[in-house]
Amino acid sequence: MNSIMKKFENILMPMAEVIGRNKYLIAIRDGFLVSTPLLIVGSLFLLVANFPIPGWNEWVGQFLGEGWASKLTTPVAATFDIMAILAIVGIAYSLARQLEVDAIQASATALVAFFIVTPYKINFTPKGEEVSHIVKGIPLDWVGSKGLFLGMIVALTSVVIFAKVLKKGWVIKLPAGVPPTVAKSFEALIPAGIVIVVFFLVNYIFSYTAYETVHNFVFKILQVPLLKLGNTLPAMVIAYLFLHGFWFFGINGSSVVGAVFNPVLKALSVENLEAFQAGQPIPNIITGQFQDMFATFGGAGSTLSLLIAIILVCKSQRVTKMGKLSLLPGIFGINEPIIFGLPIMLNPMILIPFMVIPTVNIIISYFAMAGGWVPLTNGVQIPWTTPPVISGFLVSGWQGSVLQIILIILGVIMYIPFIKAIDNQYLKEETEASNSQEDDDDIDFDDLDL
């Protein structure tokens, strides 16, 4: 067993180190955190307008009037329709801080670079006419989910160029008495100008190709294939095996694997949300909501099932107290107490269910949705701390809640033999320690020295 663990560690540890120290992946991971609270707020408006209860809109319409739901879509559009812009600002800011350059100037430059390669053309059909016309305007398609991947590329590339020019000393320096904010703005003048020229040339070159714009090229060549790959069961299973392998060695696997996989899942979620808003069939099974609400319950390893199993069958003080202390955080998806307290980390006795149960959850959920027994997730962003049953209902109706309950119970059954073995070991140690303490407390008069 030790040799197997050693080999496993030799594979995962170097990979985690490379990913964990990669500035670009860290920037993508942290950059999306800028948009997360805004998308959640926008999703709450959408959820109220499309609450998954039959007759909801008609009932609320009695008090708020007809068409009340459509008015709530404004905050949704103001967040989801500009997702790429939010991502660019966050990613560029994060990378600029890591490269130790002016983060505000770098993120503003990245945003301008993105708009340089964005075509200012939209199709417009006047009321009462059937022929559409091309007019000037910012196309929401390209500043939303369709422009997400190009936005990431532009943010990273522009900040790298900005930082290299700045560190070469190609700047305009003002006298010492000039206020720092004014001096910084002039220092950014040449780096920002070079970034703008570079992206202007890129846009100019692509205007003479069959793709016409950089957006079309990235969307067709990169984004579409990645989304098709990410929306497959094998990709999800492999990602989660690595994720839990990292957690087993005490590395935050969600951060390591999520830096690569989450941008794909986020784009797939937005596709579902757009279809849900338009009343069209939802296209994707695997999304960010599928991952958050059906793969694991209580955190990595689906440890909510483990905590329930502990309460049901365990007797040792060490395990039962740890289970009770960890239950409330576990309900809200926080499982560090049980991972490091039981511990799960580097504990081969719990490794098998810790890795297998989330995989089983993914497979069962995938086929339940593919078979039409459970509705596909609607793309609505809800906090990852939303407890099971409630989260399933909000993203996939009552069928989602039922599926969550079934998976949690199945996880409990699978965890029981493993946690019972650990419990018996701890119980034996506690009994031996208690007996030893009693022996130490006994007084033997033969040992007294008179």
Protein backbone atom coordinates (compact mmCIF):
# COMPACT_ATOMS: atom_id res chain seq x y z
CA MET A 1 0.00 0.00 0.00
CA ASN A 2 2.83 2.40 0.88
CA SER A 3 4.52 1.83 -2.48
CA ILE A 4 1.25 2.55 -4.32
CA MET A 5 0.73 5.75 -2.34
CA LYS A 6 4.31 6.79 -3.03
CA LYS A 7 3.84 6.35 -6.79
CA PHE A 8 0.55 8.22 -6.64
CA GLU A 9 2.22 11.04 -4.72
CA ASN A 10 5.12 11.18 -7.20
CA ILE A 11 2.63 11.74 -10.03
CA LEU A 12 0.37 14.30 -8.37
CA MET A 13 2.73 16.42 -6.29
CA PRO A 14 4.85 17.77 -9.19
CA MET A 15 1.69 18.45 -11.20
CA ALA A 16 0.10 20.32 -8.32
CA GLU A 17 3.26 22.34 -7.80
CA VAL A 18 3.40 23.38 -11.46
CA ILE A 19 -0.28 24.34 -11.59
CA GLY A 20 -0.29 25.93 -8.15
CA ARG A 21 2.60 28.25 -9.03
CA ASN A 22 1.49 29.11 -12.56
CA LYS A 23 0.77 32.83 -12.57
CA TYR A 24 -1.56 32.65 -15.54
CA LEU A 25 -3.77 29.92 -14.09
CA ILE A 26 -3.84 31.72 -10.75
CA ALA A 27 -4.89 34.91 -12.55
CA ILE A 28 -7.74 33.09 -14.33
CA ARG A 29 -8.88 31.45 -11.10
CA ASP A 30 -8.80 34.65 -9.04
CA GLY A 31 -10.07 36.80 -11.90
CA PHE A 32 -13.36 34.94 -12.09
CA LEU A 33 -13.95 35.71 -8.41
CA VAL A 34 -14.65 39.32 -9.45
CA SER A 35 -17.70 38.25 -11.43
CA THR A 36 -18.95 35.51 -9.08
CA PRO A 37 -20.91 37.67 -6.57
CA LEU A 38 -22.38 39.76 -9.40
CA LEU A 39 -23.51 36.68 -11.31
CA ILE A 40 -25.09 35.24 -8.16
CA VAL A 41 -27.06 38.44 -7.59
CA GLY A 42 -28.17 38.46 -11.22
CA SER A 43 -29.21 34.83 -10.90
CA LEU A 44 -31.38 35.58 -7.89
CA PHE A 45 -33.43 38.01 -10.00
CA LEU A 46 -33.74 35.36 -12.70
CA LEU A 47 -34.73 32.76 -10.13
CA VAL A 48 -37.52 34.94 -8.75
CA ALA A 49 -38.79 35.56 -12.28
CA ASN A 50 -38.71 31.84 -13.12
CA PHE A 51 -39.26 30.10 -9.78
CA PRO A 52 -39.70 26.35 -10.41
CA ILE A 53 -43.27 26.11 -9.11
CA PRO A 54 -46.20 25.69 -11.53
CA GLY A 55 -48.39 28.81 -11.60
CA TRP A 56 -45.78 30.99 -9.87
CA ASN A 57 -45.78 33.77 -12.49
CA GLU A 58 -49.58 33.96 -12.58
CA TRP A 59 -49.84 34.09 -8.78
CA VAL A 60 -47.26 36.86 -8.39
CA GLY A 61 -48.79 38.69 -11.38
CA GLN A 62 -51.94 39.23 -9.32
CA PHE A 63 -49.97 41.57 -7.06
CA LEU A 64 -47.30 43.04 -9.36
CA GLY A 65 -49.20 43.16 -12.62
CA GLU A 66 -48.71 41.51 -15.99
CA GLY A 67 -45.18 41.44 -17.35
CA TRP A 68 -43.54 41.75 -13.93
CA ALA A 69 -41.11 38.90 -14.68
CA SER A 70 -39.66 40.53 -17.78
CA LYS A 71 -38.76 43.64 -15.77
CA LEU A 72 -36.56 41.54 -13.50
CA THR A 73 -34.32 40.51 -16.38
CA THR A 74 -32.47 43.86 -16.40
CA PRO A 75 -30.04 42.87 -13.58
CA VAL A 76 -29.59 39.51 -15.32
CA ALA A 77 -28.56 41.18 -18.57
CA ALA A 78 -26.33 43.65 -16.72
CA THR A 79 -24.30 40.77 -15.27
CA PHE A 80 -24.40 37.76 -17.58
CA ASP A 81 -24.38 39.71 -20.84
CA ILE A 82 -21.08 41.39 -19.93
CA MET A 83 -19.43 38.35 -18.36
CA ALA A 84 -16.36 38.59 -20.61
CA ILE A 85 -15.76 42.20 -19.57
CA LEU A 86 -15.91 41.30 -15.87
CA ALA A 87 -13.53 38.41 -16.46
CA ILE A 88 -11.05 40.59 -18.36
CA VAL A 89 -10.91 43.18 -15.58
CA GLY A 90 -10.48 40.53 -12.88
CA ILE A 91 -7.90 38.40 -14.71
CA ALA A 92 -5.82 41.37 -15.86
CA TYR A 93 -5.86 42.90 -12.38
CA SER A 94 -4.78 39.62 -10.75
CA LEU A 95 -1.95 38.96 -13.22
CA ALA A 96 -0.71 42.56 -13.03
CA ARG A 97 -0.43 42.32 -9.25
CA GLN A 98 1.58 39.11 -9.59
CA LEU A 99 3.87 40.76 -12.15
CA GLU A 100 4.16 43.79 -9.84
CA VAL A 101 2.92 46.47 -12.21
CA ASP A 102 0.12 49.01 -11.88
CA ALA A 103 -2.93 46.74 -11.75
CA ILE A 104 -5.52 49.44 -12.51
CA GLN A 105 -3.69 50.72 -15.58
CA ALA A 106 -2.99 47.18 -16.82
CA SER A 107 -6.61 46.03 -16.46
CA ALA A 108 -7.90 49.19 -18.19
CA THR A 109 -5.45 48.60 -21.05
CA ALA A 110 -6.58 44.97 -21.34
CA LEU A 111 -10.20 46.11 -21.60
CA VAL A 112 -9.34 48.55 -24.39
CA ALA A 113 -7.38 45.83 -26.21
CA PHE A 114 -10.42 43.57 -26.06
CA PHE A 115 -12.67 46.21 -27.58
CA ILE A 116 -10.12 46.83 -30.35
CA VAL A 117 -10.57 43.24 -31.59
CA THR A 118 -14.36 43.32 -31.04
CA PRO A 119 -16.45 44.22 -34.12
CA TYR A 120 -18.83 47.12 -33.55
CA LYS A 121 -21.57 45.55 -35.64
CA ILE A 122 -24.96 44.14 -34.69
CA ASN A 123 -27.89 42.87 -36.73
CA PHE A 124 -30.97 45.01 -36.30
CA THR A 125 -34.44 44.27 -37.68
CA PRO A 126 -36.76 47.31 -37.57
CA LYS A 127 -40.24 46.75 -36.24
CA GLY A 128 -42.60 45.60 -38.95
CA GLU A 129 -39.78 44.62 -41.32
CA GLU A 130 -38.33 41.20 -42.13
CA VAL A 131 -34.96 42.34 -43.48
CA SER A 132 -32.20 42.89 -40.93
CA HIS A 133 -29.63 45.63 -41.20
CA ILE A 134 -26.07 45.83 -39.87
CA VAL A 135 -25.72 48.84 -37.57
CA LYS A 136 -23.02 50.10 -35.24
CA GLY A 137 -23.15 48.88 -31.66
CA ILE A 138 -21.48 46.67 -29.08
CA PRO A 139 -22.48 43.04 -29.79
CA LEU A 140 -23.62 41.50 -26.52
CA ASP A 141 -22.77 38.03 -27.84
CA TRP A 142 -19.06 38.84 -27.86
CA VAL A 143 -18.96 40.57 -24.48
CA GLY A 144 -20.89 37.70 -22.92
CA SER A 145 -20.19 33.99 -22.81
CA LYS A 146 -19.15 33.71 -26.48
CA GLY A 147 -16.32 36.16 -25.92
CA LEU A 148 -15.15 34.59 -22.66
CA PHE A 149 -12.19 32.63 -24.00
CA LEU A 150 -10.89 35.45 -26.17
CA GLY A 151 -11.31 37.75 -23.18
CA MET A 152 -9.04 35.50 -21.11
CA ILE A 153 -6.43 35.38 -23.88
CA VAL A 154 -6.50 39.16 -24.38
CA ALA A 155 -6.28 39.85 -20.63
CA LEU A 156 -3.24 37.60 -20.15
CA THR A 157 -1.44 38.69 -23.33
CA SER A 158 -1.97 42.42 -22.90
CA VAL A 159 -0.78 42.40 -19.28
CA VAL A 160 2.35 40.43 -20.21
CA ILE A 161 3.19 42.96 -22.97
CA PHE A 162 2.39 45.86 -20.64
CA ALA A 163 4.66 44.48 -17.89
CA LYS A 164 7.58 43.69 -20.20
CA VAL A 165 7.58 47.14 -21.78
CA LEU A 166 7.30 48.77 -18.36
CA LYS A 167 10.18 46.75 -16.91
CA LYS A 168 12.39 47.53 -19.90
CA GLY A 169 12.16 51.13 -18.82
CA TRP A 170 10.32 52.37 -21.90
CA VAL A 171 8.35 54.92 -19.92
CA ILE A 172 7.90 58.65 -19.62
CA LYS A 173 9.24 59.78 -16.26
CA LEU A 174 8.09 63.05 -14.75
CA PRO A 175 9.95 65.16 -12.16
CA ALA A 176 9.90 64.08 -8.52
CA GLY A 177 7.46 66.79 -7.46
CA VAL A 178 4.64 65.50 -9.68
CA PRO A 179 1.81 63.72 -7.76
CA PRO A 180 2.22 59.89 -7.84
CA THR A 181 -1.10 59.27 -9.60
CA VAL A 182 -0.15 61.64 -12.44
CA ALA A 183 3.33 60.10 -12.69
CA LYS A 184 1.88 56.58 -12.90
CA SER A 185 -0.53 57.55 -15.65
CA PHE A 186 2.33 58.91 -17.76
CA GLU A 187 4.46 55.83 -17.02
CA ALA A 188 1.66 53.68 -18.45
CA LEU A 189 1.44 55.77 -21.63
CA ILE A 190 4.04 53.95 -23.76
CA PRO A 191 3.26 50.40 -22.47
CA ALA A 192 -0.46 50.96 -23.07
CA GLY A 193 0.24 52.44 -26.51
CA ILE A 194 2.30 49.41 -27.56
CA VAL A 195 -0.46 47.04 -26.37
CA ILE A 196 -3.04 48.97 -28.39
CA VAL A 197 -0.85 48.93 -31.51
CA VAL A 198 -0.26 45.17 -31.19
CA PHE A 199 -3.96 44.35 -30.94
CA PHE A 200 -4.82 46.83 -33.69
CA LEU A 201 -2.44 44.96 -36.01
CA VAL A 202 -3.89 41.60 -34.97
CA ASN A 203 -7.40 42.84 -35.70
CA TYR A 204 -6.28 44.33 -39.03
CA ILE A 205 -4.66 41.07 -40.14
CA PHE A 206 -7.72 38.98 -39.24
CA SER A 207 -9.97 41.33 -41.20
CA TYR A 208 -8.37 39.91 -44.37
CA THR A 209 -8.89 36.25 -43.40
CA ALA A 210 -11.90 34.00 -43.87
CA TYR A 211 -12.73 34.42 -40.16
CA GLU A 212 -12.96 38.24 -40.50
CA THR A 213 -12.54 38.79 -36.72
CA VAL A 214 -10.42 37.36 -33.92
CA HIS A 215 -13.65 36.52 -32.10
CA ASN A 216 -14.81 34.20 -34.88
CA PHE A 217 -11.41 32.52 -35.04
CA VAL A 218 -11.14 31.83 -31.29
CA PHE A 219 -14.77 30.77 -30.99
CA LYS A 220 -14.62 28.27 -33.86
CA ILE A 221 -11.07 26.96 -33.41
CA LEU A 222 -10.70 26.96 -29.62
CA GLN A 223 -13.86 27.60 -27.65
CA VAL A 224 -16.29 25.26 -29.42
CA PRO A 225 -13.94 22.21 -29.27
CA LEU A 226 -13.12 22.88 -25.61
CA LEU A 227 -16.80 23.14 -24.69
CA LYS A 228 -17.55 19.89 -26.51
CA LEU A 229 -14.70 18.17 -24.69
CA GLY A 230 -15.68 19.61 -21.31
CA ASN A 231 -19.30 18.55 -21.76
CA THR A 232 -18.41 14.85 -21.71
CA LEU A 233 -18.66 12.31 -18.93
CA PRO A 234 -15.05 11.04 -19.27
CA ALA A 235 -13.65 14.57 -18.97
CA MET A 236 -15.64 15.20 -15.79
CA VAL A 237 -14.66 11.86 -14.24
CA ILE A 238 -10.95 12.33 -15.01
CA ALA A 239 -11.00 15.89 -13.64
CA TYR A 240 -12.59 14.71 -10.40
CA LEU A 241 -10.22 11.80 -9.92
CA PHE A 242 -7.32 14.26 -10.10
CA LEU A 243 -9.16 16.75 -7.88
CA HIS A 244 -9.62 14.21 -5.09
CA GLY A 245 -6.14 12.84 -5.54
CA PHE A 246 -4.80 16.31 -4.78
CA TRP A 247 -7.06 16.67 -1.74
CA PHE A 248 -5.81 13.34 -0.38
CA PHE A 249 -2.32 14.81 -0.17
CA GLY A 250 -3.56 17.98 1.53
CA ILE A 251 -3.60 20.13 -1.63
CA ASN A 252 -6.73 22.11 -2.43
CA GLY A 253 -7.72 20.09 -5.50
CA SER A 254 -10.66 22.36 -6.24
CA SER A 255 -8.28 25.27 -6.82
CA VAL A 256 -5.74 23.26 -8.81
CA VAL A 257 -8.16 21.48 -11.16
CA GLY A 258 -10.66 24.34 -11.14
CA ALA A 259 -8.10 26.74 -12.57
CA VAL A 260 -8.16 24.66 -15.76
CA PHE A 261 -11.67 23.19 -15.80
CA ASN A 262 -13.92 25.89 -14.30
CA PRO A 263 -13.77 28.37 -17.23
CA VAL A 264 -15.18 25.64 -19.48
CA LEU A 265 -17.92 24.79 -16.97
CA LYS A 266 -18.81 28.45 -16.56
CA ALA A 267 -19.26 28.90 -20.31
CA LEU A 268 -21.44 25.78 -20.46
CA SER A 269 -23.55 27.12 -17.57
CA VAL A 270 -24.15 30.38 -19.42
CA GLU A 271 -25.31 28.48 -22.51
CA ASN A 272 -27.89 26.72 -20.32
CA LEU A 273 -28.95 30.00 -18.74
CA GLU A 274 -29.47 31.65 -22.12
CA ALA A 275 -31.61 28.73 -23.30
CA PHE A 276 -33.55 28.78 -20.02
CA GLN A 277 -34.27 32.50 -20.38
CA ALA A 278 -35.38 32.06 -23.98
CA GLY A 279 -37.63 29.11 -23.14
CA GLN A 280 -35.60 26.81 -25.40
CA PRO A 281 -34.36 23.26 -24.70
CA ILE A 282 -31.38 23.33 -22.33
CA PRO A 283 -28.30 21.99 -24.19
CA ASN A 284 -25.67 20.88 -21.63
CA ILE A 285 -25.68 18.20 -18.95
CA ILE A 286 -22.29 19.00 -17.46
CA THR A 287 -22.05 22.58 -16.19
CA GLY A 288 -20.84 24.47 -13.17
CA GLN A 289 -24.15 23.74 -11.41
CA PHE A 290 -23.88 20.04 -12.26
CA GLN A 291 -20.46 20.01 -10.61
CA ASP A 292 -21.43 22.03 -7.54
CA MET A 293 -24.85 20.53 -6.83
CA PHE A 294 -24.62 16.88 -7.91
CA ALA A 295 -20.97 15.73 -7.86
CA THR A 296 -20.20 16.34 -4.21
CA PHE A 297 -22.27 17.07 -1.12
CA GLY A 298 -20.60 18.75 1.82
CA GLY A 299 -17.40 19.39 -0.12
CA ALA A 300 -14.75 17.25 -1.80
CA GLY A 301 -15.31 13.53 -1.32
CA SER A 302 -19.02 14.14 -0.78
CA THR A 303 -18.21 14.14 2.93
CA LEU A 304 -21.74 15.04 4.03
CA SER A 305 -22.50 11.35 3.49
CA LEU A 306 -19.46 10.51 5.63
CA LEU A 307 -20.67 12.77 8.45
CA ILE A 308 -24.11 11.15 8.41
CA ALA A 309 -22.48 7.71 8.45
CA ILE A 310 -20.39 8.76 11.48
CA ILE A 311 -23.48 9.86 13.40
CA LEU A 312 -25.30 6.63 12.53
CA VAL A 313 -22.72 3.94 13.23
CA CYS A 314 -19.64 5.28 15.04
CA LYS A 315 -18.97 4.93 18.79
CA SER A 316 -15.45 6.18 19.43
CA GLN A 317 -15.20 9.59 21.09
CA ARG A 318 -12.67 10.84 18.57
CA VAL A 319 -14.78 10.11 15.50
CA THR A 320 -18.22 10.98 16.90
CA LYS A 321 -17.14 14.33 18.34
CA MET A 322 -15.36 15.25 15.13
CA GLY A 323 -18.46 14.25 13.14
CA LYS A 324 -20.78 16.39 15.26
CA LEU A 325 -18.49 19.39 15.09
CA SER A 326 -18.15 19.06 11.30
CA LEU A 327 -21.82 18.42 10.48
CA LEU A 328 -23.09 22.02 10.38
CA PRO A 329 -20.22 23.32 8.20
CA GLY A 330 -20.61 20.18 6.05
CA ILE A 331 -24.25 20.96 5.31
CA PHE A 332 -23.05 24.22 3.76
CA GLY A 333 -20.26 22.60 1.75
CA ILE A 334 -17.33 23.33 4.09
CA ASN A 335 -15.42 20.16 4.89
CA GLU A 336 -11.91 21.20 5.95
CA PRO A 337 -12.68 20.22 9.60
CA ILE A 338 -13.34 16.59 8.68
CA ILE A 339 -10.60 16.40 6.03
CA PHE A 340 -7.89 17.52 8.45
CA GLY A 341 -9.55 16.39 11.68
CA LEU A 342 -10.47 12.75 11.01
CA PRO A 343 -8.10 12.90 9.06
CA ILE A 344 -8.91 12.06 5.46
CA MET A 345 -5.64 13.52 4.25
CA LEU A 346 -3.01 10.77 3.83
CA ASN A 347 -5.38 8.20 5.35
CA PRO A 348 -5.39 5.14 3.01
CA MET A 349 -8.32 3.60 4.93
CA ILE A 350 -10.69 6.27 3.57
CA LEU A 351 -9.08 6.94 0.18
CA ILE A 352 -11.27 4.54 -1.84
CA PRO A 353 -14.71 5.97 -0.92
CA PHE A 354 -13.31 9.51 -0.89
CA MET A 355 -12.45 9.19 -4.59
CA VAL A 356 -15.11 6.72 -5.74
CA ILE A 357 -18.28 8.26 -4.27
CA PRO A 358 -18.03 11.60 -6.18
CA THR A 359 -17.33 9.62 -9.35
CA VAL A 360 -20.43 7.49 -8.75
CA ASN A 361 -22.46 10.68 -8.13
CA ILE A 362 -21.27 12.14 -11.44
CA ILE A 363 -22.10 8.98 -13.42
CA ILE A 364 -25.56 8.49 -11.89
CA SER A 365 -26.47 12.18 -12.25
CA TYR A 366 -25.26 12.25 -15.84
CA PHE A 367 -27.40 9.29 -16.92
CA ALA A 368 -30.38 10.47 -14.85
CA MET A 369 -30.33 13.75 -16.79
CA ALA A 370 -29.47 12.16 -20.13
CA GLY A 371 -32.40 9.75 -19.65
CA GLY A 372 -34.83 12.60 -18.98
CA TRP A 373 -35.62 11.57 -15.38
CA VAL A 374 -34.10 14.75 -13.98
CA PRO A 375 -34.19 18.16 -15.76
CA LEU A 376 -30.87 19.58 -16.86
CA THR A 377 -29.51 22.38 -14.70
CA ASN A 378 -30.95 25.75 -15.66
CA GLY A 379 -27.67 27.69 -15.41
CA VAL A 380 -28.88 29.84 -12.52
CA GLN A 381 -25.89 30.79 -10.35
CA ILE A 382 -26.55 30.07 -6.69
CA PRO A 383 -23.96 30.17 -3.88
CA TRP A 384 -21.95 26.94 -3.60
CA THR A 385 -22.81 26.95 0.13
CA THR A 386 -26.52 26.36 -0.62
CA PRO A 387 -27.48 23.14 1.23
CA PRO A 388 -28.50 20.01 -0.71
CA VAL A 389 -32.22 19.52 -1.51
CA ILE A 390 -32.66 23.31 -1.66
CA SER A 391 -29.90 23.64 -4.27
CA GLY A 392 -31.24 20.72 -6.29
CA PHE A 393 -34.70 22.27 -6.35
CA LEU A 394 -33.43 25.67 -7.45
CA VAL A 395 -31.30 24.43 -10.35
CA SER A 396 -33.19 21.31 -11.45
CA GLY A 397 -36.67 21.22 -9.89
CA TRP A 398 -38.01 18.73 -7.37
CA GLN A 399 -36.46 15.89 -9.35
CA GLY A 400 -33.05 17.41 -8.62
CA SER A 401 -33.82 17.38 -4.89
CA VAL A 402 -34.86 13.74 -5.01
CA LEU A 403 -31.68 12.82 -6.91
CA GLN A 404 -29.56 14.61 -4.30
CA ILE A 405 -31.25 12.70 -1.48
CA ILE A 406 -30.69 9.36 -3.26
CA LEU A 407 -27.02 10.15 -3.88
CA ILE A 408 -26.42 11.24 -0.28
CA ILE A 409 -27.99 8.02 1.03
CA LEU A 410 -25.96 5.94 -1.42
CA GLY A 411 -22.83 7.75 -0.24
CA VAL A 412 -23.69 6.97 3.38
CA ILE A 413 -24.01 3.26 2.56
CA MET A 414 -20.67 3.27 0.73
CA TYR A 415 -18.85 5.13 3.50
CA ILE A 416 -20.16 2.97 6.40
CA PRO A 417 -17.80 -0.06 6.12
CA PHE A 418 -14.73 2.18 5.79
CA ILE A 419 -15.56 4.62 8.59
CA LYS A 420 -16.62 1.69 10.79
CA ALA A 421 -13.17 0.13 10.35
CA ILE A 422 -11.53 3.43 11.35
CA ASP A 423 -13.96 3.80 14.26
CA ASN A 424 -13.14 0.31 15.56
CA GLN A 425 -9.43 1.14 15.45
CA TYR A 426 -9.92 4.40 17.37
CA LEU A 427 -12.30 2.69 19.82
CA LYS A 428 -9.67 0.04 20.55
CA GLU A 429 -7.05 2.75 21.13
CA GLU A 430 -9.41 4.64 23.46
CA THR A 431 -10.19 1.47 25.44
CA GLU A 432 -6.50 0.63 25.82
CA ALA A 433 -5.74 4.19 26.89
CA SER A 434 -8.58 4.09 29.42
CA ASN A 435 -7.41 0.76 30.88
CA SER A 436 -3.87 2.06 31.08
CA GLN A 437 -5.07 5.13 32.96
CA GLU A 438 -6.99 2.95 35.44
CA ASP A 439 -3.91 0.80 36.06
CA ASP A 440 -1.84 3.89 36.74
CA ASP A 441 -4.39 5.12 39.28
CA ASP A 442 -4.39 1.83 41.31
CA ILE A 443 -2.32 1.80 44.53
CA ASP A 444 -0.28 -1.32 45.24
CA PHE A 445 0.83 -1.44 48.91
CA ASP A 446 3.60 -3.89 48.01
CA ASP A 447 5.32 -1.07 46.14
CA LEU A 448 5.43 1.20 49.18
CA ASP A 449 8.89 1.72 50.67
CA LEU A 450 8.52 1.76 54.48
